[in-house]
Amino acid sequence: LGFTIITFLSAITLIGLKPAILRYIPFYMGKN
């Protein structure tokens, strides 16, 4: 239960960031 709660709260800190990283890093690398 403790791990589940902490994992959930940790995921909240990343809302929107992971998709942005996966989108923009390849995009900007393609443009050098």
PDB file of all heavy atoms in Angstrom:
ATOM      1  N   LEU A   1       0.829  -1.204   0.000  1.00  0.00           N
ATOM      2  CA  LEU A   1       0.000   0.000   0.000  1.00  0.00           C
ATOM      3  C   LEU A   1       0.867   1.259   0.000  1.00  0.00           C
ATOM      4  O   LEU A   1       0.591   2.210  -0.744  1.00  0.00           O
ATOM      5  CB  LEU A   1      -0.927  -0.003   1.214  1.00  0.00           C
ATOM      6  CG  LEU A   1      -1.861   1.212   1.370  1.00  0.00           C
ATOM      7  CD1 LEU A   1      -2.756   1.374   0.146  1.00  0.00           C
ATOM      8  CD2 LEU A   1      -2.702   1.067   2.643  1.00  0.00           C
ATOM      9  N   GLY A   2       1.908   1.252   0.806  1.00  0.00           N
ATOM     10  CA  GLY A   2       2.814   2.402   0.862  1.00  0.00           C
ATOM     11  C   GLY A   2       3.464   2.677  -0.478  1.00  0.00           C
ATOM     12  O   GLY A   2       3.504   3.818  -0.954  1.00  0.00           O
ATOM     13  N   PHE A   3       3.962   1.612  -1.130  1.00  0.00           N
ATOM     14  CA  PHE A   3       4.590   1.769  -2.446  1.00  0.00           C
ATOM     15  C   PHE A   3       3.587   2.262  -3.487  1.00  0.00           C
ATOM     16  O   PHE A   3       3.921   3.085  -4.344  1.00  0.00           O
ATOM     17  CB  PHE A   3       5.194   0.438  -2.905  1.00  0.00           C
ATOM     18  CG  PHE A   3       6.529   0.133  -2.299  1.00  0.00           C
ATOM     19  CD1 PHE A   3       6.797  -1.123  -1.782  1.00  0.00           C
ATOM     20  CD2 PHE A   3       7.524   1.087  -2.234  1.00  0.00           C
ATOM     21  CE1 PHE A   3       8.029  -1.415  -1.229  1.00  0.00           C
ATOM     22  CE2 PHE A   3       8.753   0.810  -1.685  1.00  0.00           C
ATOM     23  CZ  PHE A   3       9.018  -0.451  -1.174  1.00  0.00           C
ATOM     24  N   THR A   4       2.364   1.752  -3.405  1.00  0.00           N
ATOM     25  CA  THR A   4       1.328   2.154  -4.365  1.00  0.00           C
ATOM     26  C   THR A   4       1.021   3.646  -4.247  1.00  0.00           C
ATOM     27  O   THR A   4       0.918   4.350  -5.261  1.00  0.00           O
ATOM     28  CB  THR A   4       0.039   1.339  -4.135  1.00  0.00           C
ATOM     29  OG1 THR A   4       0.336  -0.056  -4.286  1.00  0.00           O
ATOM     30  CG2 THR A   4      -1.035   1.743  -5.135  1.00  0.00           C
ATOM     31  N   ILE A   5       0.899   4.122  -3.026  1.00  0.00           N
ATOM     32  CA  ILE A   5       0.601   5.544  -2.793  1.00  0.00           C
ATOM     33  C   ILE A   5       1.746   6.422  -3.288  1.00  0.00           C
ATOM     34  O   ILE A   5       1.524   7.418  -3.984  1.00  0.00           O
ATOM     35  CB  ILE A   5       0.338   5.799  -1.292  1.00  0.00           C
ATOM     36  CG1 ILE A   5      -0.960   5.111  -0.859  1.00  0.00           C
ATOM     37  CG2 ILE A   5       0.256   7.304  -1.011  1.00  0.00           C
ATOM     38  CD1 ILE A   5      -1.176   5.098   0.637  1.00  0.00           C
ATOM     39  N   ILE A   6       2.968   6.056  -2.945  1.00  0.00           N
ATOM     40  CA  ILE A   6       4.134   6.857  -3.349  1.00  0.00           C
ATOM     41  C   ILE A   6       4.324   6.824  -4.860  1.00  0.00           C
ATOM     42  O   ILE A   6       4.669   7.847  -5.474  1.00  0.00           O
ATOM     43  CB  ILE A   6       5.403   6.346  -2.630  1.00  0.00           C
ATOM     44  CG1 ILE A   6       5.301   6.591  -1.127  1.00  0.00           C
ATOM     45  CG2 ILE A   6       6.648   7.031  -3.190  1.00  0.00           C
ATOM     46  CD1 ILE A   6       5.128   8.047  -0.723  1.00  0.00           C
ATOM     47  N   THR A   7       4.086   5.670  -5.475  1.00  0.00           N
ATOM     48  CA  THR A   7       4.200   5.578  -6.939  1.00  0.00           C
ATOM     49  C   THR A   7       3.181   6.476  -7.617  1.00  0.00           C
ATOM     50  O   THR A   7       3.490   7.163  -8.599  1.00  0.00           O
ATOM     51  CB  THR A   7       3.987   4.107  -7.389  1.00  0.00           C
ATOM     52  OG1 THR A   7       4.993   3.288  -6.799  1.00  0.00           O
ATOM     53  CG2 THR A   7       4.083   4.007  -8.908  1.00  0.00           C
ATOM     54  N   PHE A   8       1.967   6.485  -7.086  1.00  0.00           N
ATOM     55  CA  PHE A   8       0.912   7.345  -7.628  1.00  0.00           C
ATOM     56  C   PHE A   8       1.286   8.818  -7.494  1.00  0.00           C
ATOM     57  O   PHE A   8       1.163   9.600  -8.457  1.00  0.00           O
ATOM     58  CB  PHE A   8      -0.406   7.074  -6.911  1.00  0.00           C
ATOM     59  CG  PHE A   8      -1.508   8.048  -7.263  1.00  0.00           C
ATOM     60  CD1 PHE A   8      -2.159   7.973  -8.480  1.00  0.00           C
ATOM     61  CD2 PHE A   8      -1.862   9.056  -6.370  1.00  0.00           C
ATOM     62  CE1 PHE A   8      -3.161   8.883  -8.811  1.00  0.00           C
ATOM     63  CE2 PHE A   8      -2.865   9.966  -6.686  1.00  0.00           C
ATOM     64  CZ  PHE A   8      -3.516   9.886  -7.909  1.00  0.00           C
ATOM     65  N   LEU A   9       1.762   9.218  -6.327  1.00  0.00           N
ATOM     66  CA  LEU A   9       2.135  10.615  -6.096  1.00  0.00           C
ATOM     67  C   LEU A   9       3.341  11.015  -6.955  1.00  0.00           C
ATOM     68  O   LEU A   9       3.407  12.150  -7.435  1.00  0.00           O
ATOM     69  CB  LEU A   9       2.453  10.839  -4.611  1.00  0.00           C
ATOM     70  CG  LEU A   9       1.260  10.700  -3.655  1.00  0.00           C
ATOM     71  CD1 LEU A   9       1.723  10.808  -2.208  1.00  0.00           C
ATOM     72  CD2 LEU A   9       0.205  11.764  -3.952  1.00  0.00           C
ATOM     73  N   SER A  10       4.266  10.080  -7.151  1.00  0.00           N
ATOM     74  CA  SER A  10       5.420  10.358  -8.016  1.00  0.00           C
ATOM     75  C   SER A  10       4.987  10.592  -9.453  1.00  0.00           C
ATOM     76  O   SER A  10       5.529  11.451 -10.153  1.00  0.00           O
ATOM     77  CB  SER A  10       6.418   9.189  -7.954  1.00  0.00           C
ATOM     78  OG  SER A  10       6.902   8.992  -6.656  1.00  0.00           O
ATOM     79  N   ALA A  11       3.999   9.822  -9.899  1.00  0.00           N
ATOM     80  CA  ALA A  11       3.499   9.956 -11.272  1.00  0.00           C
ATOM     81  C   ALA A  11       2.858  11.320 -11.494  1.00  0.00           C
ATOM     82  O   ALA A  11       2.929  11.871 -12.605  1.00  0.00           O
ATOM     83  CB  ALA A  11       2.507   8.837 -11.577  1.00  0.00           C
ATOM     84  N   ILE A  12       2.249  11.874 -10.442  1.00  0.00           N
ATOM     85  CA  ILE A  12       1.607  13.179 -10.565  1.00  0.00           C
ATOM     86  C   ILE A  12       2.631  14.259 -10.933  1.00  0.00           C
ATOM     87  O   ILE A  12       2.320  15.195 -11.673  1.00  0.00           O
ATOM     88  CB  ILE A  12       0.892  13.548  -9.248  1.00  0.00           C
ATOM     89  CG1 ILE A  12      -0.311  12.629  -9.024  1.00  0.00           C
ATOM     90  CG2 ILE A  12       0.425  15.008  -9.257  1.00  0.00           C
ATOM     91  CD1 ILE A  12      -1.003  12.843  -7.694  1.00  0.00           C
ATOM     92  N   THR A  13       3.848  14.121 -10.436  1.00  0.00           N
ATOM     93  CA  THR A  13       4.891  15.134 -10.704  1.00  0.00           C
ATOM     94  C   THR A  13       5.318  15.150 -12.169  1.00  0.00           C
ATOM     95  O   THR A  13       6.022  16.067 -12.595  1.00  0.00           O
ATOM     96  CB  THR A  13       6.136  14.875  -9.827  1.00  0.00           C
ATOM     97  OG1 THR A  13       6.782  13.653 -10.240  1.00  0.00           O
ATOM     98  CG2 THR A  13       5.765  14.786  -8.364  1.00  0.00           C
ATOM     99  N   LEU A  14       4.898  14.140 -12.921  1.00  0.00           N
ATOM    100  CA  LEU A  14       5.341  14.021 -14.317  1.00  0.00           C
ATOM    101  C   LEU A  14       4.230  14.279 -15.326  1.00  0.00           C
ATOM    102  O   LEU A  14       4.438  14.101 -16.527  1.00  0.00           O
ATOM    103  CB  LEU A  14       5.912  12.621 -14.557  1.00  0.00           C
ATOM    104  CG  LEU A  14       7.120  12.231 -13.704  1.00  0.00           C
ATOM    105  CD1 LEU A  14       7.428  10.757 -13.886  1.00  0.00           C
ATOM    106  CD2 LEU A  14       8.330  13.076 -14.060  1.00  0.00           C
ATOM    107  N   ILE A  15       3.054  14.685 -14.842  1.00  0.00           N
ATOM    108  CA  ILE A  15       1.922  14.873 -15.739  1.00  0.00           C
ATOM    109  C   ILE A  15       2.272  15.858 -16.866  1.00  0.00           C
ATOM    110  O   ILE A  15       2.663  16.999 -16.625  1.00  0.00           O
ATOM    111  CB  ILE A  15       0.693  15.382 -14.963  1.00  0.00           C
ATOM    112  CG1 ILE A  15       0.134  14.273 -14.071  1.00  0.00           C
ATOM    113  CG2 ILE A  15      -0.397  15.874 -15.921  1.00  0.00           C
ATOM    114  CD1 ILE A  15      -1.052  14.680 -13.228  1.00  0.00           C
ATOM    115  N   GLY A  16       2.151  15.389 -18.091  1.00  0.00           N
ATOM    116  CA  GLY A  16       2.409  16.225 -19.264  1.00  0.00           C
ATOM    117  C   GLY A  16       3.864  16.292 -19.686  1.00  0.00           C
ATOM    118  O   GLY A  16       4.163  16.671 -20.830  1.00  0.00           O
ATOM    119  N   LEU A  17       4.790  15.929 -18.790  1.00  0.00           N
ATOM    120  CA  LEU A  17       6.211  16.081 -19.104  1.00  0.00           C
ATOM    121  C   LEU A  17       6.739  14.940 -19.972  1.00  0.00           C
ATOM    122  O   LEU A  17       7.502  15.177 -20.920  1.00  0.00           O
ATOM    123  CB  LEU A  17       7.028  16.177 -17.811  1.00  0.00           C
ATOM    124  CG  LEU A  17       6.815  17.437 -16.978  1.00  0.00           C
ATOM    125  CD1 LEU A  17       7.646  17.387 -15.692  1.00  0.00           C
ATOM    126  CD2 LEU A  17       7.180  18.696 -17.779  1.00  0.00           C
ATOM    127  N   LYS A  18       6.354  13.720 -19.656  1.00  0.00           N
ATOM    128  CA  LYS A  18       6.856  12.589 -20.435  1.00  0.00           C
ATOM    129  C   LYS A  18       6.437  12.659 -21.900  1.00  0.00           C
ATOM    130  O   LYS A  18       7.286  12.489 -22.795  1.00  0.00           O
ATOM    131  CB  LYS A  18       6.416  11.275 -19.790  1.00  0.00           C
ATOM    132  CG  LYS A  18       7.109  10.994 -18.464  1.00  0.00           C
ATOM    133  CD  LYS A  18       6.549   9.769 -17.763  1.00  0.00           C
ATOM    134  CE  LYS A  18       6.884   8.508 -18.480  1.00  0.00           C
ATOM    135  NZ  LYS A  18       6.448   7.296 -17.724  1.00  0.00           N
ATOM    136  N   PRO A  19       5.160  12.925 -22.216  1.00  0.00           N
ATOM    137  CA  PRO A  19       4.788  13.066 -23.635  1.00  0.00           C
ATOM    138  C   PRO A  19       5.522  14.217 -24.315  1.00  0.00           C
ATOM    139  O   PRO A  19       5.881  14.115 -25.498  1.00  0.00           O
ATOM    140  CB  PRO A  19       3.277  13.344 -23.575  1.00  0.00           C
ATOM    141  CG  PRO A  19       2.827  12.798 -22.265  1.00  0.00           C
ATOM    142  CD  PRO A  19       3.970  13.014 -21.330  1.00  0.00           C
ATOM    143  N   ALA A  20       5.749  15.314 -23.568  1.00  0.00           N
ATOM    144  CA  ALA A  20       6.452  16.463 -24.151  1.00  0.00           C
ATOM    145  C   ALA A  20       7.891  16.103 -24.493  1.00  0.00           C
ATOM    146  O   ALA A  20       8.399  16.459 -25.569  1.00  0.00           O
ATOM    147  CB  ALA A  20       6.423  17.638 -23.170  1.00  0.00           C
ATOM    148  N   ILE A  21       8.551  15.382 -23.589  1.00  0.00           N
ATOM    149  CA  ILE A  21       9.937  14.959 -23.839  1.00  0.00           C
ATOM    150  C   ILE A  21      10.006  14.039 -25.053  1.00  0.00           C
ATOM    151  O   ILE A  21      10.864  14.212 -25.934  1.00  0.00           O
ATOM    152  CB  ILE A  21      10.509  14.253 -22.591  1.00  0.00           C
ATOM    153  CG1 ILE A  21      10.702  15.257 -21.454  1.00  0.00           C
ATOM    154  CG2 ILE A  21      11.844  13.576 -22.919  1.00  0.00           C
ATOM    155  CD1 ILE A  21      11.063  14.622 -20.136  1.00  0.00           C
ATOM    156  N   LEU A  22       9.112  13.059 -25.086  1.00  0.00           N
ATOM    157  CA  LEU A  22       9.122  12.091 -26.185  1.00  0.00           C
ATOM    158  C   LEU A  22       8.779  12.738 -27.525  1.00  0.00           C
ATOM    159  O   LEU A  22       9.172  12.244 -28.581  1.00  0.00           O
ATOM    160  CB  LEU A  22       8.124  10.966 -25.888  1.00  0.00           C
ATOM    161  CG  LEU A  22       8.499  10.039 -24.722  1.00  0.00           C
ATOM    162  CD1 LEU A  22       7.358   9.082 -24.415  1.00  0.00           C
ATOM    163  CD2 LEU A  22       9.771   9.265 -25.048  1.00  0.00           C
ATOM    164  N   ARG A  23       8.067  13.851 -27.488  1.00  0.00           N
ATOM    165  CA  ARG A  23       7.704  14.541 -28.733  1.00  0.00           C
ATOM    166  C   ARG A  23       8.786  15.511 -29.177  1.00  0.00           C
ATOM    167  O   ARG A  23       9.198  15.504 -30.344  1.00  0.00           O
ATOM    168  CB  ARG A  23       6.387  15.285 -28.540  1.00  0.00           C
ATOM    169  CG  ARG A  23       5.991  16.096 -29.755  1.00  0.00           C
ATOM    170  CD  ARG A  23       4.720  16.883 -29.535  1.00  0.00           C
ATOM    171  NE  ARG A  23       4.375  17.691 -30.703  1.00  0.00           N
ATOM    172  CZ  ARG A  23       3.364  18.531 -30.756  1.00  0.00           C
ATOM    173  NH1 ARG A  23       2.560  18.678 -29.710  1.00  0.00           N
ATOM    174  NH2 ARG A  23       3.118  19.237 -31.860  1.00  0.00           N
ATOM    175  N   TYR A  24       9.240  16.362 -28.246  1.00  0.00           N
ATOM    176  CA  TYR A  24      10.078  17.493 -28.646  1.00  0.00           C
ATOM    177  C   TYR A  24      11.561  17.162 -28.801  1.00  0.00           C
ATOM    178  O   TYR A  24      12.247  17.800 -29.602  1.00  0.00           O
ATOM    179  CB  TYR A  24       9.904  18.654 -27.668  1.00  0.00           C
ATOM    180  CG  TYR A  24       8.564  19.339 -27.824  1.00  0.00           C
ATOM    181  CD1 TYR A  24       7.588  19.239 -26.841  1.00  0.00           C
ATOM    182  CD2 TYR A  24       8.259  20.055 -28.979  1.00  0.00           C
ATOM    183  CE1 TYR A  24       6.351  19.852 -26.990  1.00  0.00           C
ATOM    184  CE2 TYR A  24       7.025  20.664 -29.150  1.00  0.00           C
ATOM    185  CZ  TYR A  24       6.081  20.563 -28.145  1.00  0.00           C
ATOM    186  OH  TYR A  24       4.849  21.158 -28.301  1.00  0.00           O
ATOM    187  N   ILE A  25      12.064  16.184 -28.061  1.00  0.00           N
ATOM    188  CA  ILE A  25      13.474  15.833 -28.255  1.00  0.00           C
ATOM    189  C   ILE A  25      13.721  15.315 -29.673  1.00  0.00           C
ATOM    190  O   ILE A  25      14.621  15.808 -30.361  1.00  0.00           O
ATOM    191  CB  ILE A  25      13.944  14.829 -27.180  1.00  0.00           C
ATOM    192  CG1 ILE A  25      14.125  15.545 -25.847  1.00  0.00           C
ATOM    193  CG2 ILE A  25      15.260  14.162 -27.605  1.00  0.00           C
ATOM    194  CD1 ILE A  25      14.604  14.653 -24.722  1.00  0.00           C
ATOM    195  N   PRO A  26      12.952  14.324 -30.167  1.00  0.00           N
ATOM    196  CA  PRO A  26      13.166  13.896 -31.557  1.00  0.00           C
ATOM    197  C   PRO A  26      12.902  15.026 -32.566  1.00  0.00           C
ATOM    198  O   PRO A  26      13.596  15.123 -33.590  1.00  0.00           O
ATOM    199  CB  PRO A  26      12.154  12.759 -31.741  1.00  0.00           C
ATOM    200  CG  PRO A  26      11.860  12.270 -30.368  1.00  0.00           C
ATOM    201  CD  PRO A  26      11.928  13.484 -29.499  1.00  0.00           C
ATOM    202  N   PHE A  27      11.908  15.875 -32.252  1.00  0.00           N
ATOM    203  CA  PHE A  27      11.576  16.972 -33.158  1.00  0.00           C
ATOM    204  C   PHE A  27      12.753  17.942 -33.302  1.00  0.00           C
ATOM    205  O   PHE A  27      13.149  18.290 -34.432  1.00  0.00           O
ATOM    206  CB  PHE A  27      10.350  17.719 -32.628  1.00  0.00           C
ATOM    207  CG  PHE A  27       9.959  18.913 -33.457  1.00  0.00           C
ATOM    208  CD1 PHE A  27       9.315  18.764 -34.679  1.00  0.00           C
ATOM    209  CD2 PHE A  27      10.237  20.206 -33.008  1.00  0.00           C
ATOM    210  CE1 PHE A  27       8.960  19.869 -35.443  1.00  0.00           C
ATOM    211  CE2 PHE A  27       9.891  21.316 -33.769  1.00  0.00           C
ATOM    212  CZ  PHE A  27       9.251  21.149 -34.987  1.00  0.00           C
ATOM    213  N   TYR A  28      13.324  18.359 -32.181  1.00  0.00           N
ATOM    214  CA  TYR A  28      14.442  19.308 -32.227  1.00  0.00           C
ATOM    215  C   TYR A  28      15.733  18.645 -32.702  1.00  0.00           C
ATOM    216  O   TYR A  28      16.563  19.300 -33.347  1.00  0.00           O
ATOM    217  CB  TYR A  28      14.654  19.943 -30.851  1.00  0.00           C
ATOM    218  CG  TYR A  28      13.551  20.900 -30.449  1.00  0.00           C
ATOM    219  CD1 TYR A  28      12.967  20.844 -29.185  1.00  0.00           C
ATOM    220  CD2 TYR A  28      13.081  21.862 -31.340  1.00  0.00           C
ATOM    221  CE1 TYR A  28      11.950  21.718 -28.814  1.00  0.00           C
ATOM    222  CE2 TYR A  28      12.066  22.730 -30.987  1.00  0.00           C
ATOM    223  CZ  TYR A  28      11.503  22.656 -29.726  1.00  0.00           C
ATOM    224  OH  TYR A  28      10.496  23.527 -29.371  1.00  0.00           O
ATOM    225  N   MET A  29      15.901  17.357 -32.406  1.00  0.00           N
ATOM    226  CA  MET A  29      17.082  16.660 -32.912  1.00  0.00           C
ATOM    227  C   MET A  29      17.032  16.585 -34.433  1.00  0.00           C
ATOM    228  O   MET A  29      18.064  16.689 -35.110  1.00  0.00           O
ATOM    229  CB  MET A  29      17.147  15.246 -32.322  1.00  0.00           C
ATOM    230  CG  MET A  29      17.624  15.186 -30.876  1.00  0.00           C
ATOM    231  SD  MET A  29      19.322  15.770 -30.628  1.00  0.00           S
ATOM    232  CE  MET A  29      20.242  14.491 -31.499  1.00  0.00           C
ATOM    233  N   GLY A  30      15.828  16.395 -34.974  1.00  0.00           N
ATOM    234  CA  GLY A  30      15.664  16.357 -36.426  1.00  0.00           C
ATOM    235  C   GLY A  30      16.026  17.671 -37.095  1.00  0.00           C
ATOM    236  O   GLY A  30      16.426  17.701 -38.259  1.00  0.00           O
ATOM    237  N   LYS A  31      15.906  18.751 -36.330  1.00  0.00           N
ATOM    238  CA  LYS A  31      16.262  20.073 -36.838  1.00  0.00           C
ATOM    239  C   LYS A  31      17.674  20.491 -36.426  1.00  0.00           C
ATOM    240  O   LYS A  31      18.093  21.633 -36.674  1.00  0.00           O
ATOM    241  CB  LYS A  31      15.263  21.111 -36.322  1.00  0.00           C
ATOM    242  CG  LYS A  31      13.850  20.958 -36.881  1.00  0.00           C
ATOM    243  CD  LYS A  31      12.928  22.007 -36.300  1.00  0.00           C
ATOM    244  CE  LYS A  31      11.545  21.951 -36.940  1.00  0.00           C
ATOM    245  NZ  LYS A  31      11.564  22.292 -38.379  1.00  0.00           N
ATOM    246  N   ASN A  32      18.394  19.581 -35.742  1.00  0.00           N
ATOM    247  CA  ASN A  32      19.737  19.868 -35.215  1.00  0.00           C
ATOM    248  C   ASN A  32      19.735  21.077 -34.281  1.00  0.00           C
ATOM    249  O   ASN A  32      20.725  21.801 -34.187  1.00  0.00           O
ATOM    250  CB  ASN A  32      20.744  20.094 -36.358  1.00  0.00           C
ATOM    251  CG  ASN A  32      21.002  18.829 -37.160  1.00  0.00           C
ATOM    252  OD1 ASN A  32      21.050  17.731 -36.589  1.00  0.00           O
ATOM    253  ND2 ASN A  32      21.124  18.966 -38.467  1.00  0.00           N
TER     254      ASN A  32
END
